[in-house]
Amino acid sequence: MPRDANSGGAVFGGWTLSQMDLAGGTFAAERAEGQVATVAIEAMRFLRPVSVGDEVSCYCSLEDAGGTSLTVKVETWARGRGRGKAPEKVTEGVFTFVALGEDGRPRKIPAGHTETSGGGG
């Protein structure tokens, strides 16, 4: 939306970051079988601007897993709307999420949900 962009028509990096956090959090929550919270964002790289009207997709892969945390690589790809262009990677980052119990404190991730061989999401 125009409110999410600068005067040159490029989408703010913060908007893109929030979409990546949503995608990574959903991916992590599936594996943790419950609520997760973002605890760190590392290695963020903005490779090219996203324009208002671009179609944006986020792809996630599990980088690492511990007893209570998951590290997820998130790649963002954009395709120019109506221009028939092939998608281009525009942003990538590594997000760490911690699994939370009902009390809001870290909890163990169920066994079998921390394999790093899984793909996108």
N, C-alpha and C. Protein backbone atom coordinates (compact mmCIF):
# COMPACT_ATOMS: atom_id res chain seq x y z
N MET A 1 0.84 -1.18 0.00
CA MET A 1 0.00 0.00 0.00
C MET A 1 0.89 1.25 0.00
N PRO A 2 0.42 2.32 -0.57
CA PRO A 2 1.23 3.55 -0.63
C PRO A 2 1.71 4.04 0.74
N ARG A 3 0.95 3.83 1.80
CA ARG A 3 1.39 4.29 3.13
C ARG A 3 2.61 3.52 3.63
N ASP A 4 2.90 2.38 2.99
CA ASP A 4 4.04 1.55 3.39
C ASP A 4 5.28 1.83 2.56
N ALA A 5 5.27 2.93 1.78
CA ALA A 5 6.37 3.20 0.86
C ALA A 5 6.89 4.63 1.00
N ASN A 6 8.11 4.82 0.53
CA ASN A 6 8.68 6.16 0.52
C ASN A 6 8.19 6.92 -0.71
N SER A 7 8.62 8.16 -0.88
CA SER A 7 8.13 8.98 -1.99
C SER A 7 8.58 8.46 -3.35
N GLY A 8 9.60 7.60 -3.39
CA GLY A 8 10.05 7.02 -4.65
C GLY A 8 9.32 5.74 -5.03
N GLY A 9 8.39 5.30 -4.20
CA GLY A 9 7.61 4.11 -4.50
C GLY A 9 8.23 2.81 -4.02
N ALA A 10 9.32 2.88 -3.24
CA ALA A 10 9.94 1.68 -2.67
C ALA A 10 9.32 1.40 -1.30
N VAL A 11 8.99 0.15 -1.07
CA VAL A 11 8.38 -0.26 0.20
C VAL A 11 9.41 -0.14 1.31
N PHE A 12 8.99 0.36 2.47
CA PHE A 12 9.87 0.48 3.63
C PHE A 12 10.40 -0.88 4.04
N GLY A 13 11.67 -0.93 4.42
CA GLY A 13 12.29 -2.17 4.88
C GLY A 13 11.59 -2.74 6.09
N GLY A 14 11.05 -1.90 6.95
CA GLY A 14 10.35 -2.36 8.14
C GLY A 14 9.10 -3.16 7.80
N TRP A 15 8.41 -2.77 6.72
CA TRP A 15 7.24 -3.54 6.29
C TRP A 15 7.67 -4.92 5.84
N THR A 16 8.73 -4.97 5.05
CA THR A 16 9.24 -6.26 4.57
C THR A 16 9.68 -7.12 5.74
N LEU A 17 10.38 -6.53 6.69
CA LEU A 17 10.83 -7.24 7.87
C LEU A 17 9.65 -7.83 8.64
N SER A 18 8.57 -7.07 8.77
CA SER A 18 7.40 -7.58 9.51
C SER A 18 6.77 -8.77 8.79
N GLN A 19 6.75 -8.76 7.46
CA GLN A 19 6.21 -9.89 6.71
C GLN A 19 7.09 -11.13 6.91
N MET A 20 8.40 -10.91 6.94
CA MET A 20 9.34 -12.01 7.17
C MET A 20 9.16 -12.59 8.57
N ASP A 21 8.95 -11.73 9.55
CA ASP A 21 8.75 -12.18 10.93
C ASP A 21 7.46 -12.99 11.04
N LEU A 22 6.41 -12.55 10.35
CA LEU A 22 5.15 -13.30 10.35
C LEU A 22 5.34 -14.68 9.72
N ALA A 23 6.01 -14.73 8.58
CA ALA A 23 6.23 -16.01 7.89
C ALA A 23 7.11 -16.93 8.74
N GLY A 24 8.21 -16.41 9.26
CA GLY A 24 9.10 -17.22 10.08
C GLY A 24 8.44 -17.69 11.36
N GLY A 25 7.64 -16.82 11.98
CA GLY A 25 6.92 -17.20 13.20
C GLY A 25 5.90 -18.28 12.96
N THR A 26 5.21 -18.22 11.83
CA THR A 26 4.24 -19.27 11.49
C THR A 26 4.96 -20.60 11.27
N PHE A 27 6.06 -20.55 10.53
CA PHE A 27 6.87 -21.73 10.26
C PHE A 27 7.37 -22.34 11.58
N ALA A 28 7.92 -21.50 12.48
CA ALA A 28 8.44 -21.97 13.76
C ALA A 28 7.32 -22.51 14.65
N ALA A 29 6.17 -21.86 14.67
CA ALA A 29 5.06 -22.29 15.52
C ALA A 29 4.54 -23.67 15.11
N GLU A 30 4.55 -23.96 13.82
CA GLU A 30 4.14 -25.29 13.36
C GLU A 30 5.07 -26.36 13.93
N ARG A 31 6.37 -26.09 13.88
CA ARG A 31 7.34 -27.06 14.38
C ARG A 31 7.34 -27.15 15.90
N ALA A 32 7.10 -26.05 16.56
CA ALA A 32 7.08 -26.02 18.02
C ALA A 32 5.74 -26.48 18.58
N GLU A 33 4.76 -26.66 17.72
CA GLU A 33 3.40 -27.05 18.11
C GLU A 33 2.83 -26.09 19.15
N GLY A 34 2.98 -24.81 18.87
CA GLY A 34 2.42 -23.82 19.78
C GLY A 34 3.07 -22.46 19.59
N GLN A 35 2.79 -21.61 20.53
CA GLN A 35 3.23 -20.22 20.45
C GLN A 35 4.75 -20.09 20.48
N VAL A 36 5.24 -19.15 19.68
CA VAL A 36 6.67 -18.80 19.69
C VAL A 36 6.79 -17.28 19.74
N ALA A 37 7.97 -16.82 20.12
CA ALA A 37 8.26 -15.39 20.12
C ALA A 37 9.61 -15.18 19.45
N THR A 38 9.73 -14.10 18.71
CA THR A 38 11.00 -13.73 18.08
C THR A 38 11.94 -13.23 19.17
N VAL A 39 13.15 -13.79 19.21
CA VAL A 39 14.14 -13.34 20.20
C VAL A 39 15.36 -12.71 19.55
N ALA A 40 15.56 -12.95 18.24
CA ALA A 40 16.72 -12.35 17.57
C ALA A 40 16.50 -12.35 16.07
N ILE A 41 17.06 -11.35 15.43
CA ILE A 41 17.12 -11.28 13.97
C ILE A 41 18.58 -11.00 13.62
N GLU A 42 19.15 -11.88 12.83
CA GLU A 42 20.56 -11.76 12.48
C GLU A 42 20.71 -11.75 10.96
N ALA A 43 21.82 -11.25 10.52
CA ALA A 43 22.23 -11.37 9.11
C ALA A 43 21.17 -10.87 8.13
N MET A 44 20.49 -9.78 8.47
CA MET A 44 19.49 -9.20 7.56
C MET A 44 20.20 -8.56 6.38
N ARG A 45 19.74 -8.86 5.18
CA ARG A 45 20.30 -8.24 3.97
C ARG A 45 19.17 -7.82 3.06
N PHE A 46 19.19 -6.56 2.67
CA PHE A 46 18.24 -6.04 1.69
C PHE A 46 18.99 -5.98 0.36
N LEU A 47 18.57 -6.80 -0.59
CA LEU A 47 19.30 -6.96 -1.84
C LEU A 47 18.84 -6.01 -2.94
N ARG A 48 17.54 -5.71 -2.95
CA ARG A 48 17.00 -4.75 -3.90
C ARG A 48 15.67 -4.26 -3.36
N PRO A 49 15.23 -3.07 -3.80
CA PRO A 49 13.96 -2.53 -3.29
C PRO A 49 12.75 -3.33 -3.77
N VAL A 50 11.71 -3.29 -2.96
CA VAL A 50 10.40 -3.82 -3.33
C VAL A 50 9.55 -2.61 -3.69
N SER A 51 8.86 -2.68 -4.81
CA SER A 51 8.02 -1.56 -5.25
C SER A 51 6.57 -1.79 -4.86
N VAL A 52 5.83 -0.71 -4.65
CA VAL A 52 4.40 -0.82 -4.40
C VAL A 52 3.79 -1.58 -5.57
N GLY A 53 3.00 -2.59 -5.28
CA GLY A 53 2.35 -3.40 -6.30
C GLY A 53 3.07 -4.69 -6.62
N ASP A 54 4.32 -4.86 -6.16
CA ASP A 54 5.02 -6.12 -6.37
C ASP A 54 4.32 -7.24 -5.61
N GLU A 55 4.37 -8.43 -6.17
CA GLU A 55 3.91 -9.63 -5.47
C GLU A 55 5.08 -10.13 -4.63
N VAL A 56 4.86 -10.29 -3.33
CA VAL A 56 5.94 -10.65 -2.41
C VAL A 56 5.65 -12.02 -1.80
N SER A 57 6.67 -12.88 -1.78
CA SER A 57 6.55 -14.21 -1.18
C SER A 57 7.73 -14.44 -0.25
N CYS A 58 7.46 -15.08 0.90
CA CYS A 58 8.51 -15.41 1.87
C CYS A 58 8.63 -16.93 1.94
N TYR A 59 9.87 -17.41 1.94
CA TYR A 59 10.15 -18.84 2.02
C TYR A 59 11.04 -19.10 3.22
N CYS A 60 10.70 -20.13 3.98
CA CYS A 60 11.39 -20.41 5.25
C CYS A 60 12.04 -21.78 5.22
N SER A 61 13.19 -21.87 5.90
CA SER A 61 13.83 -23.16 6.11
C SER A 61 14.45 -23.17 7.49
N LEU A 62 14.43 -24.34 8.12
CA LEU A 62 14.98 -24.48 9.47
C LEU A 62 16.49 -24.58 9.38
N GLU A 63 17.18 -23.65 10.03
CA GLU A 63 18.65 -23.62 10.03
C GLU A 63 19.22 -24.40 11.20
N ASP A 64 18.57 -24.27 12.37
CA ASP A 64 19.10 -24.91 13.58
C ASP A 64 17.96 -25.03 14.58
N ALA A 65 18.12 -25.95 15.51
CA ALA A 65 17.11 -26.13 16.55
C ALA A 65 17.80 -26.53 17.85
N GLY A 66 17.29 -25.99 18.93
CA GLY A 66 17.78 -26.35 20.26
C GLY A 66 16.63 -26.91 21.06
N GLY A 67 16.78 -26.98 22.35
CA GLY A 67 15.72 -27.53 23.19
C GLY A 67 14.47 -26.68 23.20
N THR A 68 14.65 -25.35 23.20
CA THR A 68 13.50 -24.45 23.27
C THR A 68 13.44 -23.46 22.11
N SER A 69 14.47 -23.45 21.24
CA SER A 69 14.51 -22.43 20.19
C SER A 69 14.70 -23.03 18.80
N LEU A 70 14.30 -22.24 17.83
CA LEU A 70 14.43 -22.59 16.41
C LEU A 70 15.03 -21.40 15.68
N THR A 71 15.99 -21.67 14.81
CA THR A 71 16.58 -20.64 13.98
C THR A 71 16.11 -20.88 12.55
N VAL A 72 15.47 -19.87 11.97
CA VAL A 72 14.80 -20.00 10.69
C VAL A 72 15.39 -19.00 9.69
N LYS A 73 15.80 -19.48 8.53
CA LYS A 73 16.22 -18.59 7.45
C LYS A 73 14.97 -18.21 6.66
N VAL A 74 14.80 -16.93 6.43
CA VAL A 74 13.66 -16.44 5.66
C VAL A 74 14.18 -15.67 4.45
N GLU A 75 13.76 -16.10 3.27
CA GLU A 75 14.08 -15.40 2.02
C GLU A 75 12.80 -14.75 1.50
N THR A 76 12.92 -13.52 1.04
CA THR A 76 11.78 -12.82 0.46
C THR A 76 12.06 -12.61 -1.02
N TRP A 77 11.10 -12.96 -1.84
CA TRP A 77 11.19 -12.83 -3.29
C TRP A 77 10.06 -11.92 -3.75
N ALA A 78 10.31 -11.12 -4.77
CA ALA A 78 9.29 -10.21 -5.31
C ALA A 78 9.23 -10.36 -6.82
N ARG A 79 8.02 -10.21 -7.33
CA ARG A 79 7.79 -10.22 -8.77
C ARG A 79 6.99 -8.99 -9.12
N GLY A 80 7.47 -8.25 -10.12
CA GLY A 80 6.78 -7.03 -10.54
C GLY A 80 5.40 -7.34 -11.08
N ARG A 81 4.40 -6.71 -10.51
CA ARG A 81 3.01 -6.96 -10.89
C ARG A 81 2.74 -6.47 -12.30
N GLY A 82 2.16 -7.32 -13.12
CA GLY A 82 1.75 -6.94 -14.46
C GLY A 82 2.90 -6.77 -15.45
N ARG A 83 4.11 -7.05 -15.00
CA ARG A 83 5.25 -6.89 -15.90
C ARG A 83 5.79 -8.23 -16.37
N GLY A 84 5.24 -9.33 -15.86
CA GLY A 84 5.66 -10.65 -16.28
C GLY A 84 7.09 -11.00 -15.93
N LYS A 85 7.70 -10.27 -15.03
CA LYS A 85 9.08 -10.54 -14.66
C LYS A 85 9.17 -11.77 -13.78
N ALA A 86 10.31 -12.46 -13.90
CA ALA A 86 10.58 -13.58 -13.01
C ALA A 86 10.82 -13.04 -11.60
N PRO A 87 10.46 -13.80 -10.58
CA PRO A 87 10.72 -13.36 -9.20
C PRO A 87 12.22 -13.17 -8.96
N GLU A 88 12.54 -12.20 -8.11
CA GLU A 88 13.92 -11.93 -7.70
C GLU A 88 13.99 -11.94 -6.18
N LYS A 89 15.09 -12.50 -5.65
CA LYS A 89 15.27 -12.44 -4.20
C LYS A 89 15.58 -11.00 -3.82
N VAL A 90 14.81 -10.46 -2.86
CA VAL A 90 14.97 -9.06 -2.47
C VAL A 90 15.53 -8.90 -1.06
N THR A 91 15.30 -9.88 -0.21
CA THR A 91 15.73 -9.79 1.18
C THR A 91 15.94 -11.19 1.74
N GLU A 92 16.86 -11.31 2.69
CA GLU A 92 17.03 -12.56 3.42
C GLU A 92 17.48 -12.23 4.83
N GLY A 93 17.13 -13.10 5.74
CA GLY A 93 17.53 -12.90 7.13
C GLY A 93 17.40 -14.19 7.91
N VAL A 94 18.00 -14.20 9.09
CA VAL A 94 17.96 -15.35 9.97
C VAL A 94 17.28 -14.91 11.27
N PHE A 95 16.20 -15.59 11.60
CA PHE A 95 15.37 -15.25 12.76
C PHE A 95 15.45 -16.39 13.78
N THR A 96 15.55 -16.05 15.05
CA THR A 96 15.52 -17.04 16.11
C THR A 96 14.24 -16.85 16.91
N PHE A 97 13.54 -17.96 17.11
CA PHE A 97 12.27 -17.97 17.85
C PHE A 97 12.41 -18.91 19.04
N VAL A 98 11.76 -18.57 20.14
CA VAL A 98 11.73 -19.46 21.30
C VAL A 98 10.28 -19.93 21.49
N ALA A 99 10.13 -21.22 21.79
CA ALA A 99 8.81 -21.79 22.06
C ALA A 99 8.36 -21.34 23.44
N LEU A 100 7.09 -20.95 23.55
CA LEU A 100 6.55 -20.46 24.82
C LEU A 100 5.45 -21.37 25.33
N GLY A 101 5.44 -21.56 26.63
CA GLY A 101 4.37 -22.30 27.28
C GLY A 101 3.21 -21.38 27.60
N GLU A 102 2.16 -21.93 28.18
CA GLU A 102 0.99 -21.13 28.53
C GLU A 102 1.31 -20.03 29.54
N ASP A 103 2.38 -20.23 30.30
CA ASP A 103 2.80 -19.23 31.29
C ASP A 103 3.70 -18.15 30.69
N GLY A 104 3.96 -18.23 29.37
CA GLY A 104 4.79 -17.24 28.71
C GLY A 104 6.29 -17.47 28.87
N ARG A 105 6.65 -18.59 29.46
CA ARG A 105 8.06 -18.92 29.67
C ARG A 105 8.51 -19.94 28.62
N PRO A 106 9.82 -20.00 28.33
CA PRO A 106 10.31 -20.97 27.36
C PRO A 106 9.92 -22.40 27.73
N ARG A 107 9.61 -23.18 26.70
CA ARG A 107 9.26 -24.59 26.91
C ARG A 107 10.00 -25.43 25.88
N LYS A 108 10.08 -26.71 26.15
CA LYS A 108 10.75 -27.65 25.24
C LYS A 108 9.93 -27.82 23.96
N ILE A 109 10.65 -27.95 22.86
CA ILE A 109 10.01 -28.25 21.58
C ILE A 109 9.81 -29.75 21.52
N PRO A 110 8.62 -30.23 21.10
CA PRO A 110 8.38 -31.67 21.02
C PRO A 110 9.43 -32.38 20.16
N ALA A 111 9.82 -33.55 20.58
CA ALA A 111 10.79 -34.36 19.84
C ALA A 111 10.27 -34.64 18.43
N GLY A 112 11.20 -34.67 17.48
CA GLY A 112 10.82 -34.97 16.11
C GLY A 112 10.43 -33.76 15.28
N HIS A 113 10.46 -32.57 15.85
CA HIS A 113 10.05 -31.37 15.12
C HIS A 113 11.22 -30.42 14.88
N THR A 114 12.42 -30.90 15.08
CA THR A 114 13.56 -30.00 14.97
C THR A 114 14.54 -30.41 13.87
N GLU A 115 14.13 -31.32 12.98
CA GLU A 115 15.01 -31.72 11.89
C GLU A 115 15.20 -30.55 10.93
N THR A 116 16.43 -30.37 10.46
CA THR A 116 16.72 -29.24 9.57
C THR A 116 16.64 -29.61 8.10
N SER A 117 16.16 -30.81 7.77
CA SER A 117 16.10 -31.21 6.36
C SER A 117 14.87 -30.67 5.65
N GLY A 118 13.92 -30.06 6.39
CA GLY A 118 12.68 -29.57 5.80
C GLY A 118 12.91 -28.39 4.88
N GLY A 119 11.92 -28.11 4.02
CA GLY A 119 12.04 -27.05 3.03
C GLY A 119 11.23 -25.83 3.35
N GLY A 120 10.76 -25.14 2.33
CA GLY A 120 10.09 -23.85 2.44
C GLY A 120 8.76 -23.92 3.12
N GLY A 121 8.14 -22.72 3.24
CA GLY A 121 6.86 -22.70 3.90
C GLY A 121 6.21 -21.39 3.88
